[in-house]
C-alpha atoms as a PDB file:
ATOM      1  CA  MET A   1     -28.963 -25.363 -18.624  1.00  0.00           C
ATOM      2  CA  SER A   2     -27.334 -28.182 -16.667  1.00  0.00           C
ATOM      3  CA  ASP A   3     -27.127 -27.824 -12.860  1.00  0.00           C
ATOM      4  CA  THR A   4     -23.752 -26.696 -12.909  1.00  0.00           C
ATOM      5  CA  SER A   5     -24.732 -23.782 -15.234  1.00  0.00           C
ATOM      6  CA  GLN A   6     -27.336 -22.924 -13.077  1.00  0.00           C
ATOM      7  CA  GLN A   7     -25.137 -23.253  -9.939  1.00  0.00           C
ATOM      8  CA  PHE A   8     -22.595 -20.615 -11.618  1.00  0.00           C
ATOM      9  CA  LEU A   9     -25.408 -18.378 -12.942  1.00  0.00           C
ATOM     10  CA  HIS A  10     -26.875 -18.236  -9.208  1.00  0.00           C
ATOM     11  CA  GLU A  11     -23.295 -17.446  -7.795  1.00  0.00           C
ATOM     12  CA  THR A  12     -22.800 -15.072 -10.793  1.00  0.00           C
ATOM     13  CA  THR A  13     -26.236 -13.024 -10.477  1.00  0.00           C
ATOM     14  CA  SER A  14     -26.159 -12.895  -6.888  1.00  0.00           C
ATOM     15  CA  ARG A  15     -22.898 -11.333  -6.619  1.00  0.00           C
ATOM     16  CA  LEU A  16     -23.831  -8.595  -9.215  1.00  0.00           C
ATOM     17  CA  GLU A  17     -27.076  -7.923  -7.520  1.00  0.00           C
ATOM     18  CA  GLN A  18     -24.899  -7.264  -4.260  1.00  0.00           C
ATOM     19  CA  LEU A  19     -22.910  -4.898  -6.421  1.00  0.00           C
ATOM     20  CA  ALA A  20     -25.889  -3.211  -7.753  1.00  0.00           C
ATOM     21  CA  ARG A  21     -27.557  -2.774  -4.277  1.00  0.00           C
ATOM     22  CA  LEU A  22     -24.160  -1.274  -3.135  1.00  0.00           C
ATOM     23  CA  ALA A  23     -24.171   1.258  -5.789  1.00  0.00           C
ATOM     24  CA  ASP A  24     -27.512   2.236  -5.211  1.00  0.00           C
ATOM     25  CA  ASP A  25     -27.018   2.943  -1.590  1.00  0.00           C
ATOM     26  CA  GLY A  26     -23.898   5.076  -2.341  1.00  0.00           C
ATOM     27  CA  GLY A  27     -21.077   2.246  -1.334  1.00  0.00           C
ATOM     28  CA  LEU A  28     -19.745   3.281  -4.721  1.00  0.00           C
ATOM     29  CA  ASP A  29     -19.757   7.218  -4.211  1.00  0.00           C
ATOM     30  CA  PRO A  30     -16.548   7.447  -2.539  1.00  0.00           C
ATOM     31  CA  ALA A  31     -14.540   6.316  -5.626  1.00  0.00           C
ATOM     32  CA  ILE A  32     -16.799   8.002  -8.014  1.00  0.00           C
ATOM     33  CA  GLU A  33     -16.081  11.006  -6.322  1.00  0.00           C
ATOM     34  CA  LEU A  34     -12.531  10.811  -6.666  1.00  0.00           C
ATOM     35  CA  ILE A  35     -12.604   9.850 -10.137  1.00  0.00           C
ATOM     36  CA  THR A  36     -15.173  12.794 -10.830  1.00  0.00           C
ATOM     37  CA  THR A  37     -13.107  15.287  -9.121  1.00  0.00           C
ATOM     38  CA  ALA A  38      -9.912  14.061 -10.876  1.00  0.00           C
ATOM     39  CA  LEU A  39     -11.738  14.790 -14.437  1.00  0.00           C
ATOM     40  CA  GLN A  40     -13.065  17.926 -13.614  1.00  0.00           C
ATOM     41  CA  ALA A  41      -9.272  19.098 -12.516  1.00  0.00           C
ATOM     42  CA  GLY A  42      -7.918  17.720 -15.708  1.00  0.00           C
ATOM     43  CA  GLY A  43      -6.550  14.529 -14.575  1.00  0.00           C
ATOM     44  CA  ILE A  44      -7.279  11.380 -16.101  1.00  0.00           C
ATOM     45  CA  VAL A  45      -7.932   7.515 -14.835  1.00  0.00           C
ATOM     46  CA  GLN A  46      -4.811   5.453 -14.498  1.00  0.00           C
ATOM     47  CA  ALA A  47      -6.040   2.103 -14.692  1.00  0.00           C
ATOM     48  CA  PHE A  48      -3.944  -1.336 -13.631  1.00  0.00           C
ATOM     49  CA  GLY A  49      -4.315  -4.770 -13.045  1.00  0.00           C
ATOM     50  CA  THR A  50      -2.039  -7.836 -13.599  1.00  0.00           C
ATOM     51  CA  GLY A  51      -2.827 -11.102 -15.093  1.00  0.00           C
ATOM     52  CA  HIS A  52      -6.336 -11.351 -15.606  1.00  0.00           C
ATOM     53  CA  SER A  53      -7.243  -8.207 -13.901  1.00  0.00           C
ATOM     54  CA  GLN A  54      -5.669  -6.844 -17.110  1.00  0.00           C
ATOM     55  CA  ALA A  55      -9.332  -7.089 -18.310  1.00  0.00           C
ATOM     56  CA  PHE A  56     -10.584  -4.587 -15.785  1.00  0.00           C
ATOM     57  CA  ALA A  57      -7.857  -2.048 -16.869  1.00  0.00           C
ATOM     58  CA  MET A  58      -8.967  -2.738 -20.461  1.00  0.00           C
ATOM     59  CA  GLU A  59     -13.085  -2.345 -19.130  1.00  0.00           C
ATOM     60  CA  ILE A  60     -12.318   0.948 -17.716  1.00  0.00           C
ATOM     61  CA  ALA A  61      -9.965   2.652 -20.409  1.00  0.00           C
ATOM     62  CA  GLY A  62     -10.483   2.764 -24.497  1.00  0.00           C
ATOM     63  CA  ARG A  63     -14.133   0.865 -24.750  1.00  0.00           C
ATOM     64  CA  ALA A  64     -17.340   2.081 -26.462  1.00  0.00           C
ATOM     65  CA  GLY A  65     -19.367   3.304 -23.759  1.00  0.00           C
ATOM     66  CA  GLY A  66     -16.399   4.190 -21.444  1.00  0.00           C
ATOM     67  CA  LEU A  67     -14.489   7.348 -20.530  1.00  0.00           C
ATOM     68  CA  ILE A  68     -12.345   9.037 -22.906  1.00  0.00           C
ATOM     69  CA  PRO A  69      -9.558  10.583 -19.986  1.00  0.00           C
ATOM     70  CA  THR A  70      -8.247   6.950 -18.739  1.00  0.00           C
ATOM     71  CA  ALA A  71      -5.010   4.837 -19.389  1.00  0.00           C
ATOM     72  CA  ASN A  72      -4.439   1.411 -19.593  1.00  0.00           C
ATOM     73  CA  LEU A  73      -1.312   0.556 -17.762  1.00  0.00           C
ATOM     74  CA  ALA A  74       0.111  -3.033 -18.179  1.00  0.00           C
ATOM     75  CA  LEU A  75       3.558  -4.428 -17.254  1.00  0.00           C
ATOM     76  CA  ARG A  76       4.409  -5.008 -20.962  1.00  0.00           C
ATOM     77  CA  ASP A  77       4.988  -1.100 -21.236  1.00  0.00           C
ATOM     78  CA  VAL A  78       8.417  -1.480 -19.715  1.00  0.00           C
ATOM     79  CA  ALA A  79       9.333  -3.580 -23.040  1.00  0.00           C
ATOM     80  CA  LEU A  80       7.126  -1.498 -25.385  1.00  0.00           C
ATOM     81  CA  PHE A  81       8.226   2.235 -23.958  1.00  0.00           C
ATOM     82  CA  GLY A  82      10.968   1.610 -21.691  1.00  0.00           C
ATOM     83  CA  SER A  83      14.142  -0.161 -21.396  1.00  0.00           C
ATOM     84  CA  GLN A  84      13.577  -3.600 -21.114  1.00  0.00           C
ATOM     85  CA  ASP A  85      13.860  -6.532 -23.169  1.00  0.00           C
ATOM     86  CA  VAL A  86      10.740  -8.418 -24.523  1.00  0.00           C
ATOM     87  CA  SER A  87      12.205 -11.181 -22.730  1.00  0.00           C
ATOM     88  CA  VAL A  88      11.183  -9.938 -19.146  1.00  0.00           C
ATOM     89  CA  LEU A  89       7.277 -10.521 -20.248  1.00  0.00           C
ATOM     90  CA  SER A  90       7.814 -14.188 -20.657  1.00  0.00           C
ATOM     91  CA  ASP A  91       8.768 -14.247 -16.483  1.00  0.00           C
ATOM     92  CA  PRO A  92       5.534 -15.636 -14.739  1.00  0.00           C
ATOM     93  CA  LYS A  93       6.893 -13.892 -11.648  1.00  0.00           C
ATOM     94  CA  LEU A  94       7.108 -10.461 -13.416  1.00  0.00           C
ATOM     95  CA  GLU A  95       3.952  -9.236 -11.633  1.00  0.00           C
ATOM     96  CA  ARG A  96       5.400 -10.587  -8.202  1.00  0.00           C
ATOM     97  CA  ASP A  97       8.733  -8.018  -8.784  1.00  0.00           C
ATOM     98  CA  PRO A  98       8.185  -5.103  -7.019  1.00  0.00           C
ATOM     99  CA  SER A  99      11.097  -2.997  -8.650  1.00  0.00           C
ATOM    100  CA  VAL A 100       9.530  -3.502 -12.422  1.00  0.00           C
ATOM    101  CA  VAL A 101       6.891  -0.462 -11.424  1.00  0.00           C
ATOM    102  CA  GLU A 102       9.803   1.915 -10.867  1.00  0.00           C
ATOM    103  CA  GLU A 103      10.195   1.954 -14.301  1.00  0.00           C
ATOM    104  CA  LEU A 104       6.592   1.857 -15.152  1.00  0.00           C
ATOM    105  CA  TRP A 105       5.616   4.735 -13.058  1.00  0.00           C
ATOM    106  CA  GLU A 106       8.486   6.816 -15.292  1.00  0.00           C
ATOM    107  CA  ILE A 107       6.645   5.638 -18.398  1.00  0.00           C
ATOM    108  CA  THR A 108       3.481   6.580 -17.085  1.00  0.00           C
ATOM    109  CA  LYS A 109       4.322  10.066 -16.645  1.00  0.00           C
ATOM    110  CA  ALA A 110       1.431  10.577 -14.245  1.00  0.00           C
ATOM    111  CA  HIS A 111       0.001  14.169 -13.770  1.00  0.00           C
ATOM    112  CA  PRO A 112      -0.860  15.187 -10.309  1.00  0.00           C
ATOM    113  CA  ASN A 113      -4.352  15.407 -10.602  1.00  0.00           C
ATOM    114  CA  ASP A 114      -4.749  11.661 -11.858  1.00  0.00           C
ATOM    115  CA  VAL A 115      -6.328   8.938  -9.939  1.00  0.00           C
ATOM    116  CA  PHE A 116      -5.131   5.283 -10.040  1.00  0.00           C
ATOM    117  CA  VAL A 117      -7.510   2.477 -10.212  1.00  0.00           C
ATOM    118  CA  ILE A 118      -5.890  -0.855  -9.323  1.00  0.00           C
ATOM    119  CA  ALA A 119      -7.356  -4.239  -9.868  1.00  0.00           C
ATOM    120  CA  SER A 120      -6.221  -7.238  -8.117  1.00  0.00           C
ATOM    121  CA  ASN A 121      -7.851 -10.230  -6.529  1.00  0.00           C
ATOM    122  CA  SER A 122      -5.049 -11.502  -4.231  1.00  0.00           C
ATOM    123  CA  GLY A 123      -4.179  -7.406  -3.791  1.00  0.00           C
ATOM    124  CA  VAL A 124      -0.385  -8.777  -2.597  1.00  0.00           C
ATOM    125  CA  ASN A 125       1.765  -8.981  -5.753  1.00  0.00           C
ATOM    126  CA  GLY A 126       4.812  -6.762  -5.931  1.00  0.00           C
ATOM    127  CA  SER A 127       3.933  -4.959  -8.819  1.00  0.00           C
ATOM    128  CA  ILE A 128       0.109  -4.233  -7.659  1.00  0.00           C
ATOM    129  CA  VAL A 129       1.249  -3.020  -4.153  1.00  0.00           C
ATOM    130  CA  GLY A 130       4.473  -1.364  -5.702  1.00  0.00           C
ATOM    131  CA  LEU A 131       2.594   1.011  -8.103  1.00  0.00           C
ATOM    132  CA  ALA A 132       0.069   1.693  -5.308  1.00  0.00           C
ATOM    133  CA  LEU A 133       2.478   2.989  -3.165  1.00  0.00           C
ATOM    134  CA  LEU A 134       4.361   4.940  -5.967  1.00  0.00           C
ATOM    135  CA  ALA A 135       0.990   6.411  -6.593  1.00  0.00           C
ATOM    136  CA  LYS A 136       0.168   7.757  -2.876  1.00  0.00           C
ATOM    137  CA  GLU A 137       4.010   8.706  -2.336  1.00  0.00           C
ATOM    138  CA  HIS A 138       3.382  11.224  -5.419  1.00  0.00           C
ATOM    139  CA  GLY A 139       0.370  11.981  -3.747  1.00  0.00           C
ATOM    140  CA  ASN A 140      -2.155  10.604  -6.550  1.00  0.00           C
ATOM    141  CA  PRO A 141      -5.250   8.935  -4.780  1.00  0.00           C
ATOM    142  CA  VAL A 142      -5.753   5.090  -5.021  1.00  0.00           C
ATOM    143  CA  ILE A 143      -8.936   3.016  -5.736  1.00  0.00           C
ATOM    144  CA  ALA A 144      -8.666  -0.740  -4.996  1.00  0.00           C
ATOM    145  CA  VAL A 145     -10.683  -3.282  -6.660  1.00  0.00           C
ATOM    146  CA  THR A 146     -10.062  -6.859  -4.899  1.00  0.00           C
ATOM    147  CA  SER A 147     -11.296  -9.653  -2.911  1.00  0.00           C
ATOM    148  CA  ILE A 148     -11.420  -8.886   0.398  1.00  0.00           C
ATOM    149  CA  GLU A 149     -12.276 -12.620   1.484  1.00  0.00           C
ATOM    150  CA  HIS A 150      -8.997 -13.846  -0.340  1.00  0.00           C
ATOM    151  CA  THR A 151      -6.691 -11.021   0.390  1.00  0.00           C
ATOM    152  CA  SER A 152      -7.136 -11.189   4.093  1.00  0.00           C
ATOM    153  CA  ARG A 153      -6.128 -14.808   3.987  1.00  0.00           C
ATOM    154  CA  VAL A 154      -2.846 -14.541   1.909  1.00  0.00           C
ATOM    155  CA  THR A 155       0.640 -13.345   2.671  1.00  0.00           C
ATOM    156  CA  PRO A 156       1.865 -10.073   1.318  1.00  0.00           C
ATOM    157  CA  LYS A 157       4.670 -10.477  -1.049  1.00  0.00           C
ATOM    158  CA  HIS A 158       5.855  -6.703  -1.317  1.00  0.00           C
ATOM    159  CA  PRO A 159       8.617  -5.905   0.879  1.00  0.00           C
ATOM    160  CA  SER A 160       6.651  -3.334   2.831  1.00  0.00           C
ATOM    161  CA  GLY A 161       4.275  -5.964   4.225  1.00  0.00           C
ATOM    162  CA  LYS A 162       1.273  -4.105   2.805  1.00  0.00           C
ATOM    163  CA  ARG A 163      -1.581  -5.477   0.779  1.00  0.00           C
ATOM    164  CA  LEU A 164      -3.480  -3.060  -2.018  1.00  0.00           C
ATOM    165  CA  SER A 165      -6.645  -2.853   0.344  1.00  0.00           C
ATOM    166  CA  GLU A 166      -4.341  -1.339   3.061  1.00  0.00           C
ATOM    167  CA  VAL A 167      -2.563   1.261   0.520  1.00  0.00           C
ATOM    168  CA  ALA A 168      -5.465   2.478  -1.027  1.00  0.00           C
ATOM    169  CA  ASP A 169      -7.999   5.364  -0.008  1.00  0.00           C
ATOM    170  CA  VAL A 170     -10.911   3.545  -1.401  1.00  0.00           C
ATOM    171  CA  VAL A 171     -11.524  -0.019  -1.358  1.00  0.00           C
ATOM    172  CA  ILE A 172     -14.032  -1.819  -3.534  1.00  0.00           C
ATOM    173  CA  ASP A 173     -14.463  -5.715  -2.666  1.00  0.00           C
ATOM    174  CA  ASN A 174     -15.207  -7.675  -5.812  1.00  0.00           C
ATOM    175  CA  LEU A 175     -16.977 -10.279  -3.732  1.00  0.00           C
ATOM    176  CA  ALA A 176     -14.871 -13.014  -5.332  1.00  0.00           C
ATOM    177  CA  PRO A 177     -14.326 -16.129  -2.794  1.00  0.00           C
ATOM    178  CA  TYR A 178     -11.025 -17.184  -1.411  1.00  0.00           C
ATOM    179  CA  GLY A 179      -9.341 -18.796  -4.421  1.00  0.00           C
ATOM    180  CA  ASP A 180     -11.972 -17.051  -6.781  1.00  0.00           C
ATOM    181  CA  THR A 181     -13.817 -20.291  -7.783  1.00  0.00           C
ATOM    182  CA  THR A 182     -17.305 -20.524  -7.181  1.00  0.00           C
ATOM    183  CA  LEU A 183     -17.890 -24.339  -7.673  1.00  0.00           C
ATOM    184  CA  THR A 184     -16.550 -27.483  -6.551  1.00  0.00           C
ATOM    185  CA  LEU A 185     -16.514 -30.669  -8.820  1.00  0.00           C
ATOM    186  CA  ASP A 186     -15.884 -34.114  -7.553  1.00  0.00           C
ATOM    187  CA  GLY A 187     -12.183 -34.396  -6.202  1.00  0.00           C
ATOM    188  CA  ASP A 188     -12.412 -31.087  -4.693  1.00  0.00           C
ATOM    189  CA  ILE A 189     -11.607 -29.252  -8.312  1.00  0.00           C
ATOM    190  CA  GLY A 190     -12.575 -25.601  -7.936  1.00  0.00           C
ATOM    191  CA  VAL A 191     -13.949 -24.012 -10.820  1.00  0.00           C
ATOM    192  CA  GLY A 192     -16.411 -20.832 -12.006  1.00  0.00           C
ATOM    193  CA  ALA A 193     -13.914 -18.156 -11.284  1.00  0.00           C
ATOM    194  CA  VAL A 194     -16.441 -15.032 -10.487  1.00  0.00           C
ATOM    195  CA  SER A 195     -13.600 -12.228 -10.126  1.00  0.00           C
ATOM    196  CA  SER A 196     -13.412 -10.960 -13.696  1.00  0.00           C
ATOM    197  CA  LEU A 197     -17.314 -10.913 -13.918  1.00  0.00           C
ATOM    198  CA  THR A 198     -17.654  -8.817 -10.998  1.00  0.00           C
ATOM    199  CA  ALA A 199     -14.828  -6.339 -11.675  1.00  0.00           C
ATOM    200  CA  ALA A 200     -16.502  -5.727 -15.284  1.00  0.00           C
ATOM    201  CA  PHE A 201     -19.372  -4.642 -13.550  1.00  0.00           C
ATOM    202  CA  ILE A 202     -17.565  -2.695 -11.075  1.00  0.00           C
ATOM    203  CA  ALA A 203     -15.677  -0.815 -13.971  1.00  0.00           C
ATOM    204  CA  GLN A 204     -18.990   0.051 -15.521  1.00  0.00           C
ATOM    205  CA  LEU A 205     -21.094   1.138 -12.273  1.00  0.00           C
ATOM    206  CA  LEU A 206     -17.871   3.542 -11.879  1.00  0.00           C
ATOM    207  CA  THR A 207     -18.033   4.554 -15.591  1.00  0.00           C
ATOM    208  CA  ILE A 208     -22.016   5.280 -15.239  1.00  0.00           C
ATOM    209  CA  GLY A 209     -21.589   6.902 -11.789  1.00  0.00           C
ATOM    210  CA  VAL A 210     -18.878   9.205 -13.084  1.00  0.00           C
ATOM    211  CA  SER A 211     -21.035  10.218 -16.108  1.00  0.00           C
ATOM    212  CA  GLU A 212     -24.160  10.624 -13.994  1.00  0.00           C
ATOM    213  CA  ARG A 213     -22.245  12.828 -11.771  1.00  0.00           C
ATOM    214  CA  LEU A 214     -20.489  15.166 -14.675  1.00  0.00           C
ATOM    215  CA  ALA A 215     -23.673  15.742 -16.242  1.00  0.00           C
ATOM    216  CA  ALA A 216     -25.276  16.705 -12.968  1.00  0.00           C
ATOM    217  CA  ALA A 217     -22.594  19.235 -12.703  1.00  0.00           C
ATOM    218  CA  GLY A 218     -23.337  20.799 -16.378  1.00  0.00           C
ATOM    219  CA  SER A 219     -20.651  19.251 -18.428  1.00  0.00           C
ATOM    220  CA  VAL A 220     -21.001  16.488 -21.062  1.00  0.00           C
ATOM    221  CA  PRO A 221     -19.340  13.307 -20.001  1.00  0.00           C
ATOM    222  CA  PRO A 222     -16.566  12.299 -22.181  1.00  0.00           C
ATOM    223  CA  ILE A 223     -17.716   9.049 -23.352  1.00  0.00           C
ATOM    224  CA  TYR A 224     -16.381   6.878 -26.285  1.00  0.00           C
ATOM    225  CA  LEU A 225     -18.654   6.178 -29.334  1.00  0.00           C
ATOM    226  CA  SER A 226     -18.192   2.808 -30.856  1.00  0.00           C
ATOM    227  CA  ALA A 227     -15.447   3.035 -33.555  1.00  0.00           C
ATOM    228  CA  ASN A 228     -17.273   0.946 -35.575  1.00  0.00           C
ATOM    229  CA  ILE A 229     -20.431   3.426 -36.225  1.00  0.00           C
ATOM    230  CA  PRO A 230     -20.548   6.508 -38.262  1.00  0.00           C
ATOM    231  CA  GLY A 231     -18.651   9.494 -36.671  1.00  0.00           C
ATOM    232  CA  GLY A 232     -17.133   7.371 -34.257  1.00  0.00           C
ATOM    233  CA  ASP A 233     -13.598   7.965 -34.832  1.00  0.00           C
ATOM    234  CA  ASP A 234     -14.261  11.854 -35.587  1.00  0.00           C
ATOM    235  CA  HIS A 235     -15.871  11.922 -32.325  1.00  0.00           C
ATOM    236  CA  ASN A 236     -13.611   9.699 -30.333  1.00  0.00           C
ATOM    237  CA  HIS A 237     -10.314  11.623 -31.662  1.00  0.00           C
ATOM    238  CA  GLN A 238     -11.778  15.127 -31.205  1.00  0.00           C
ATOM    239  CA  LEU A 239     -11.867  14.258 -27.536  1.00  0.00           C
ATOM    240  CA  GLU A 240      -8.678  12.203 -27.043  1.00  0.00           C
ATOM    241  CA  ASP A 241      -6.686  15.161 -28.858  1.00  0.00           C
ATOM    242  CA  GLN A 242      -7.409  17.277 -25.663  1.00  0.00           C
ATOM    243  CA  TYR A 243      -5.313  15.151 -23.723  1.00  0.00           C
ATOM    244  CA  GLY A 244      -2.172  14.559 -26.154  1.00  0.00           C
ATOM    245  CA  ASP A 245      -0.246  11.344 -25.474  1.00  0.00           C
ATOM    246  CA  ARG A 246      -1.885  10.942 -22.076  1.00  0.00           C
ATOM    247  CA  LEU A 247      -4.422   8.477 -23.169  1.00  0.00           C
ATOM    248  CA  ARG A 248      -2.289   5.057 -23.472  1.00  0.00           C
ATOM    249  CA  ARG A 249      -3.824   2.372 -25.319  1.00  0.00           C
ATOM    250  CA  HIS A 250      -2.951  -1.260 -26.383  1.00  0.00           C
ATOM    251  CA  ALA A 251      -3.979  -3.077 -29.765  1.00  0.00           C
END
């Protein structure tokens, strides 16, 4: 491996190790407790992210080894399931529009016991903060996964003047640096973005933690099997059917 590859490996693994220590020390327990309580009460996890943070929602919802009572929310839902024309999805500023989440909320049809897990590296875009505020307004708890270093150095874009970290009940720092990149090439070119990697690790730590809590309480964690192994589909569909149309997935 080149020196640059080794540097990026170090930047990544040092952050993952820090997150692992945080989990071992109970630092993720407040989020794990909120999710566990929601599932035990019949709620589901509503996962949301825009831009590259959509990958976090996919890591939470609908994958092998993941929790079944989860929904993957996305801005494209307003076109796929709502009244918006598909052309709105070509607008790069859509994630900054606070009004778009009004319809997204209606489409989501969240239950009172649902918990929202929202990922945004910057934590300031209108749709991100807007959905968090709507969830709180309706009494649903919010867990934020964001970069504390980045969000503290940028101006909120939501009319409320709030950041995601200022709205959420629980905040998890994804440990990404300001601007997300970890390496600087000649000419001050930043590369080596790390937030997607740390967010995916956080998603898995939450899934593992919740599964452990449910098992300790005497219940079998509702976990997806890979659809590509024998019996996977039957297992998954049987558990999915308990939640009806609440478990939104995307192709």
